[in-house]
PDB file of all heavy atoms in Angstrom:
ATOM      1  N   THR A   1     -12.038  22.070 -37.173  1.00  0.00           N
ATOM      2  CA  THR A   1     -12.851  22.892 -38.061  1.00  0.00           C
ATOM      3  C   THR A   1     -12.896  22.290 -39.460  1.00  0.00           C
ATOM      4  O   THR A   1     -12.032  21.487 -39.840  1.00  0.00           O
ATOM      5  CB  THR A   1     -12.283  24.315 -38.155  1.00  0.00           C
ATOM      6  OG1 THR A   1     -10.974  24.261 -38.749  1.00  0.00           O
ATOM      7  CG2 THR A   1     -12.176  24.946 -36.765  1.00  0.00           C
ATOM      8  N   ASP A   2     -13.908  22.719 -40.219  1.00  0.00           N
ATOM      9  CA  ASP A   2     -14.012  22.264 -41.606  1.00  0.00           C
ATOM     10  C   ASP A   2     -12.768  22.634 -42.407  1.00  0.00           C
ATOM     11  O   ASP A   2     -12.306  21.869 -43.256  1.00  0.00           O
ATOM     12  CB  ASP A   2     -15.244  22.880 -42.274  1.00  0.00           C
ATOM     13  CG  ASP A   2     -16.552  22.355 -41.695  1.00  0.00           C
ATOM     14  OD1 ASP A   2     -16.516  21.742 -40.607  1.00  0.00           O
ATOM     15  OD2 ASP A   2     -17.601  22.568 -42.317  1.00  0.00           O
ATOM     16  N   ASN A   3     -12.220  23.824 -42.141  1.00  0.00           N
ATOM     17  CA  ASN A   3     -11.051  24.288 -42.887  1.00  0.00           C
ATOM     18  C   ASN A   3      -9.818  23.427 -42.623  1.00  0.00           C
ATOM     19  O   ASN A   3      -8.931  23.337 -43.477  1.00  0.00           O
ATOM     20  CB  ASN A   3     -10.743  25.745 -42.533  1.00  0.00           C
ATOM     21  CG  ASN A   3     -11.793  26.693 -43.074  1.00  0.00           C
ATOM     22  OD1 ASN A   3     -12.449  26.402 -44.077  1.00  0.00           O
ATOM     23  ND2 ASN A   3     -11.963  27.840 -42.429  1.00  0.00           N
ATOM     24  N   LYS A   4      -9.755  22.795 -41.448  1.00  0.00           N
ATOM     25  CA  LYS A   4      -8.620  21.917 -41.153  1.00  0.00           C
ATOM     26  C   LYS A   4      -8.769  20.567 -41.854  1.00  0.00           C
ATOM     27  O   LYS A   4      -7.774  19.940 -42.221  1.00  0.00           O
ATOM     28  CB  LYS A   4      -8.527  21.697 -39.631  1.00  0.00           C
ATOM     29  CG  LYS A   4      -8.147  22.918 -38.834  1.00  0.00           C
ATOM     30  CD  LYS A   4      -6.672  23.213 -38.954  1.00  0.00           C
ATOM     31  CE  LYS A   4      -6.264  24.387 -38.076  1.00  0.00           C
ATOM     32  NZ  LYS A   4      -6.403  24.098 -36.631  1.00  0.00           N
ATOM     33  N   ILE A   5     -10.005  20.122 -42.021  1.00  0.00           N
ATOM     34  CA  ILE A   5     -10.248  18.813 -42.645  1.00  0.00           C
ATOM     35  C   ILE A   5     -10.240  18.900 -44.167  1.00  0.00           C
ATOM     36  O   ILE A   5      -9.795  17.972 -44.844  1.00  0.00           O
ATOM     37  CB  ILE A   5     -11.588  18.223 -42.151  1.00  0.00           C
ATOM     38  CG1 ILE A   5     -11.517  17.937 -40.652  1.00  0.00           C
ATOM     39  CG2 ILE A   5     -11.943  16.954 -42.906  1.00  0.00           C
ATOM     40  CD1 ILE A   5     -10.479  16.905 -40.255  1.00  0.00           C
ATOM     41  N   LYS A   6     -10.699  20.008 -44.709  1.00  0.00           N
ATOM     42  CA  LYS A   6     -10.872  20.099 -46.166  1.00  0.00           C
ATOM     43  C   LYS A   6      -9.593  19.806 -46.956  1.00  0.00           C
ATOM     44  O   LYS A   6      -9.643  19.101 -47.985  1.00  0.00           O
ATOM     45  CB  LYS A   6     -11.427  21.465 -46.555  1.00  0.00           C
ATOM     46  CG  LYS A   6     -11.952  21.504 -47.987  1.00  0.00           C
ATOM     47  CD  LYS A   6     -12.793  22.730 -48.254  1.00  0.00           C
ATOM     48  CE  LYS A   6     -13.410  22.680 -49.642  1.00  0.00           C
ATOM     49  NZ  LYS A   6     -14.268  23.849 -49.908  1.00  0.00           N
ATOM     50  N   PRO A   7      -8.413  20.294 -46.548  1.00  0.00           N
ATOM     51  CA  PRO A   7      -7.201  19.945 -47.314  1.00  0.00           C
ATOM     52  C   PRO A   7      -6.888  18.452 -47.304  1.00  0.00           C
ATOM     53  O   PRO A   7      -6.164  17.963 -48.178  1.00  0.00           O
ATOM     54  CB  PRO A   7      -6.093  20.726 -46.584  1.00  0.00           C
ATOM     55  CG  PRO A   7      -6.802  21.845 -45.891  1.00  0.00           C
ATOM     56  CD  PRO A   7      -8.125  21.279 -45.494  1.00  0.00           C
ATOM     57  N   LEU A   8      -7.430  17.718 -46.316  1.00  0.00           N
ATOM     58  CA  LEU A   8      -7.210  16.274 -46.237  1.00  0.00           C
ATOM     59  C   LEU A   8      -8.287  15.487 -46.975  1.00  0.00           C
ATOM     60  O   LEU A   8      -8.172  14.266 -47.106  1.00  0.00           O
ATOM     61  CB  LEU A   8      -7.180  15.822 -44.767  1.00  0.00           C
ATOM     62  CG  LEU A   8      -6.171  16.532 -43.859  1.00  0.00           C
ATOM     63  CD1 LEU A   8      -6.344  16.067 -42.420  1.00  0.00           C
ATOM     64  CD2 LEU A   8      -4.746  16.277 -44.347  1.00  0.00           C
ATOM     65  N   ALA A   9      -9.325  16.197 -47.425  1.00  0.00           N
ATOM     66  CA  ALA A   9     -10.474  15.535 -48.053  1.00  0.00           C
ATOM     67  C   ALA A   9     -10.275  15.431 -49.552  1.00  0.00           C
ATOM     68  O   ALA A   9     -11.054  15.966 -50.358  1.00  0.00           O
ATOM     69  CB  ALA A   9     -11.760  16.286 -47.715  1.00  0.00           C
ATOM     70  N   THR A  10      -9.228  14.727 -49.949  1.00  0.00           N
ATOM     71  CA  THR A  10      -8.909  14.565 -51.362  1.00  0.00           C
ATOM     72  C   THR A  10      -9.316  13.192 -51.883  1.00  0.00           C
ATOM     73  O   THR A  10      -9.099  12.888 -53.058  1.00  0.00           O
ATOM     74  CB  THR A  10      -7.401  14.746 -51.582  1.00  0.00           C
ATOM     75  OG1 THR A  10      -6.707  13.764 -50.809  1.00  0.00           O
ATOM     76  CG2 THR A  10      -6.953  16.140 -51.150  1.00  0.00           C
ATOM     77  N   GLY A  11      -9.866  12.370 -51.012  1.00  0.00           N
ATOM     78  CA  GLY A  11     -10.214  11.016 -51.402  1.00  0.00           C
ATOM     79  C   GLY A  11      -9.076  10.030 -51.220  1.00  0.00           C
ATOM     80  O   GLY A  11      -9.271   8.825 -51.401  1.00  0.00           O
ATOM     81  N   GLN A  12      -7.899  10.498 -50.851  1.00  0.00           N
ATOM     82  CA  GLN A  12      -6.765   9.599 -50.695  1.00  0.00           C
ATOM     83  C   GLN A  12      -6.736   9.003 -49.291  1.00  0.00           C
ATOM     84  O   GLN A  12      -7.380   9.508 -48.367  1.00  0.00           O
ATOM     85  CB  GLN A  12      -5.450  10.340 -50.963  1.00  0.00           C
ATOM     86  CG  GLN A  12      -5.058  11.353 -49.893  1.00  0.00           C
ATOM     87  CD  GLN A  12      -3.852  12.182 -50.306  1.00  0.00           C
ATOM     88  OE1 GLN A  12      -3.990  13.228 -50.943  1.00  0.00           O
ATOM     89  NE2 GLN A  12      -2.663  11.712 -49.942  1.00  0.00           N
ATOM     90  N   VAL A  13      -5.978   7.921 -49.138  1.00  0.00           N
ATOM     91  CA  VAL A  13      -5.818   7.281 -47.835  1.00  0.00           C
ATOM     92  C   VAL A  13      -4.402   7.495 -47.335  1.00  0.00           C
ATOM     93  O   VAL A  13      -3.483   7.786 -48.114  1.00  0.00           O
ATOM     94  CB  VAL A  13      -6.132   5.766 -47.898  1.00  0.00           C
ATOM     95  CG1 VAL A  13      -7.592   5.529 -48.232  1.00  0.00           C
ATOM     96  CG2 VAL A  13      -5.220   5.062 -48.899  1.00  0.00           C
ATOM     97  N   TRP A  14      -4.253   7.362 -46.020  1.00  0.00           N
ATOM     98  CA  TRP A  14      -2.942   7.438 -45.385  1.00  0.00           C
ATOM     99  C   TRP A  14      -2.745   6.212 -44.508  1.00  0.00           C
ATOM    100  O   TRP A  14      -3.718   5.632 -44.015  1.00  0.00           O
ATOM    101  CB  TRP A  14      -2.838   8.692 -44.505  1.00  0.00           C
ATOM    102  CG  TRP A  14      -2.725   9.976 -45.252  1.00  0.00           C
ATOM    103  CD1 TRP A  14      -1.585  10.606 -45.652  1.00  0.00           C
ATOM    104  CD2 TRP A  14      -3.799  10.802 -45.698  1.00  0.00           C
ATOM    105  NE1 TRP A  14      -1.882  11.771 -46.321  1.00  0.00           N
ATOM    106  CE2 TRP A  14      -3.244  11.919 -46.363  1.00  0.00           C
ATOM    107  CE3 TRP A  14      -5.194  10.717 -45.619  1.00  0.00           C
ATOM    108  CZ2 TRP A  14      -4.001  12.918 -46.925  1.00  0.00           C
ATOM    109  CZ3 TRP A  14      -5.965  11.709 -46.185  1.00  0.00           C
ATOM    110  CH2 TRP A  14      -5.367  12.795 -46.837  1.00  0.00           C
ATOM    111  N   THR A  15      -1.490   5.837 -44.303  1.00  0.00           N
ATOM    112  CA  THR A  15      -1.230   4.780 -43.343  1.00  0.00           C
ATOM    113  C   THR A  15      -1.451   5.326 -41.930  1.00  0.00           C
ATOM    114  O   THR A  15      -1.502   6.545 -41.727  1.00  0.00           O
ATOM    115  CB  THR A  15       0.230   4.274 -43.453  1.00  0.00           C
ATOM    116  OG1 THR A  15       1.124   5.327 -43.070  1.00  0.00           O
ATOM    117  CG2 THR A  15       0.533   3.814 -44.863  1.00  0.00           C
ATOM    118  N   GLY A  16      -1.574   4.409 -40.970  1.00  0.00           N
ATOM    119  CA  GLY A  16      -1.730   4.859 -39.596  1.00  0.00           C
ATOM    120  C   GLY A  16      -0.575   5.732 -39.155  1.00  0.00           C
ATOM    121  O   GLY A  16      -0.760   6.730 -38.446  1.00  0.00           O
ATOM    122  N   GLU A  17       0.627   5.383 -39.591  1.00  0.00           N
ATOM    123  CA  GLU A  17       1.813   6.163 -39.235  1.00  0.00           C
ATOM    124  C   GLU A  17       1.720   7.577 -39.787  1.00  0.00           C
ATOM    125  O   GLU A  17       2.097   8.556 -39.122  1.00  0.00           O
ATOM    126  CB  GLU A  17       3.063   5.460 -39.769  1.00  0.00           C
ATOM    127  CG  GLU A  17       4.365   6.093 -39.347  1.00  0.00           C
ATOM    128  CD  GLU A  17       5.566   5.343 -39.887  1.00  0.00           C
ATOM    129  OE1 GLU A  17       5.602   5.094 -41.122  1.00  0.00           O
ATOM    130  OE2 GLU A  17       6.446   4.985 -39.093  1.00  0.00           O
ATOM    131  N   GLN A  18       1.212   7.727 -41.020  1.00  0.00           N
ATOM    132  CA  GLN A  18       1.051   9.050 -41.619  1.00  0.00           C
ATOM    133  C   GLN A  18      -0.135   9.807 -41.033  1.00  0.00           C
ATOM    134  O   GLN A  18      -0.111  11.039 -40.927  1.00  0.00           O
ATOM    135  CB  GLN A  18       0.851   8.903 -43.133  1.00  0.00           C
ATOM    136  CG  GLN A  18       2.040   8.347 -43.888  1.00  0.00           C
ATOM    137  CD  GLN A  18       1.689   8.043 -45.335  1.00  0.00           C
ATOM    138  OE1 GLN A  18       0.576   7.583 -45.643  1.00  0.00           O
ATOM    139  NE2 GLN A  18       2.632   8.278 -46.247  1.00  0.00           N
ATOM    140  N   ALA A  19      -1.181   9.061 -40.659  1.00  0.00           N
ATOM    141  CA  ALA A  19      -2.425   9.697 -40.222  1.00  0.00           C
ATOM    142  C   ALA A  19      -2.315  10.330 -38.843  1.00  0.00           C
ATOM    143  O   ALA A  19      -3.017  11.293 -38.542  1.00  0.00           O
ATOM    144  CB  ALA A  19      -3.558   8.667 -40.224  1.00  0.00           C
ATOM    145  N   LEU A  20      -1.430   9.795 -37.996  1.00  0.00           N
ATOM    146  CA  LEU A  20      -1.322  10.301 -36.626  1.00  0.00           C
ATOM    147  C   LEU A  20      -0.934  11.780 -36.583  1.00  0.00           C
ATOM    148  O   LEU A  20      -1.634  12.582 -35.948  1.00  0.00           O
ATOM    149  CB  LEU A  20      -0.328   9.452 -35.835  1.00  0.00           C
ATOM    150  CG  LEU A  20      -0.169   9.826 -34.348  1.00  0.00           C
ATOM    151  CD1 LEU A  20      -1.493   9.672 -33.609  1.00  0.00           C
ATOM    152  CD2 LEU A  20       0.915   8.967 -33.697  1.00  0.00           C
ATOM    153  N   PRO A  21       0.147  12.212 -37.243  1.00  0.00           N
ATOM    154  CA  PRO A  21       0.481  13.650 -37.198  1.00  0.00           C
ATOM    155  C   PRO A  21      -0.528  14.535 -37.920  1.00  0.00           C
ATOM    156  O   PRO A  21      -0.585  15.740 -37.669  1.00  0.00           O
ATOM    157  CB  PRO A  21       1.861  13.713 -37.862  1.00  0.00           C
ATOM    158  CG  PRO A  21       1.957  12.490 -38.702  1.00  0.00           C
ATOM    159  CD  PRO A  21       1.180  11.443 -37.969  1.00  0.00           C
ATOM    160  N   LEU A  22      -1.331  13.941 -38.804  1.00  0.00           N
ATOM    161  CA  LEU A  22      -2.364  14.720 -39.501  1.00  0.00           C
ATOM    162  C   LEU A  22      -3.607  14.912 -38.643  1.00  0.00           C
ATOM    163  O   LEU A  22      -4.510  15.663 -39.021  1.00  0.00           O
ATOM    164  CB  LEU A  22      -2.758  14.022 -40.812  1.00  0.00           C
ATOM    165  CG  LEU A  22      -1.671  13.931 -41.889  1.00  0.00           C
ATOM    166  CD1 LEU A  22      -2.164  13.106 -43.074  1.00  0.00           C
ATOM    167  CD2 LEU A  22      -1.238  15.323 -42.346  1.00  0.00           C
ATOM    168  N   GLY A  23      -3.660  14.217 -37.513  1.00  0.00           N
ATOM    169  CA  GLY A  23      -4.817  14.343 -36.625  1.00  0.00           C
ATOM    170  C   GLY A  23      -6.000  13.497 -37.036  1.00  0.00           C
ATOM    171  O   GLY A  23      -7.103  13.673 -36.508  1.00  0.00           O
ATOM    172  N   LEU A  24      -5.787  12.547 -37.958  1.00  0.00           N
ATOM    173  CA  LEU A  24      -6.891  11.700 -38.398  1.00  0.00           C
ATOM    174  C   LEU A  24      -7.133  10.526 -37.454  1.00  0.00           C
ATOM    175  O   LEU A  24      -8.212   9.947 -37.453  1.00  0.00           O
ATOM    176  CB  LEU A  24      -6.618  11.174 -39.810  1.00  0.00           C
ATOM    177  CG  LEU A  24      -6.638  12.226 -40.932  1.00  0.00           C
ATOM    178  CD1 LEU A  24      -6.229  11.606 -42.253  1.00  0.00           C
ATOM    179  CD2 LEU A  24      -8.007  12.874 -41.040  1.00  0.00           C
ATOM    180  N   ILE A  25      -6.121  10.152 -36.680  1.00  0.00           N
ATOM    181  CA  ILE A  25      -6.288   9.127 -35.649  1.00  0.00           C
ATOM    182  C   ILE A  25      -5.667   9.661 -34.357  1.00  0.00           C
ATOM    183  O   ILE A  25      -4.963  10.679 -34.362  1.00  0.00           O
ATOM    184  CB  ILE A  25      -5.641   7.777 -36.039  1.00  0.00           C
ATOM    185  CG1 ILE A  25      -4.122   7.902 -36.113  1.00  0.00           C
ATOM    186  CG2 ILE A  25      -6.204   7.276 -37.359  1.00  0.00           C
ATOM    187  CD1 ILE A  25      -3.407   6.562 -36.296  1.00  0.00           C
TER     188      ILE A  25
END
């Protein structure tokens, strides 16, 4: 949902290791 992505939409990047638990990869 948009509400799940919006807190991650800060313009910052994450490493692959960090992105996995966030659901970005």
